[in-house]
Amino acid sequence: MITEIEMERELEVTIEMETEMTMELELEIKMEMKMELQLQMKMTIEMEMEMTMEMEMEMKTTMEMEMTMEMEMTVVMLMEIEVEKEMKMEMEMTIEMEMEMTTEMEMEREMETTMDMELEMTIEMEMGITMEMEMEMTMEIEIEI
C-alpha cells in the first residue's frame, strides 16, 4: 500500500514538474512574443524606409519639374531679349536709312540751290550782254545819225 507520504511526495514532484513545464511554456511564449515584436519592428522600419524613399523620389521629381520650368522660363526670357535686340537693330537701321535719305534730300536741295544760283547768274549775264548789245546798237544808231 502506498503511504500517504509517498503520495504527497509524488504530488509534489508532479506539481514541481508542472510548475517547471509552465515556466518553460511561459518562457517560450515570451520568446515568441519577443520575436513577433522584433518582426513587427523590422516591418515598421522597412515601411518607414520605403515611405521615406517614396517621399524623396517625389521631392526629386518636384525639384526636377521646378528646375525644368525655371529653365523653360529662362529660355523664353532669352528669346524675348533676342527679339527685343533684333527689333532695336531694325529700328536703328530704319533710323540710319531715314538719316541717309534726309542727307540725300539736303544734298539735292543744295544742288537745286546751286543750280538756281547758276541760272540766276546766267540770266544776269545774258541780261548784261543784251543791255550791252542794246547800248552798242544805240550808240551805233546815234553815230549814224
Foldseek 3Di string as FASTA:
>chain_A
DDDPVVVVVVVVVVVVVVVVVVVVVVVVVVVVVVVVVVVVVVVVVVVVVVVVVVVVVVVVVVVVVVVVVVVVVVVVVVVVVVVVVVVVVVVVVVVVVVVVVVVVVVVVVVVVVVVVVVVVVVVVVVVVVVVVVVVVVVVVVVVVD
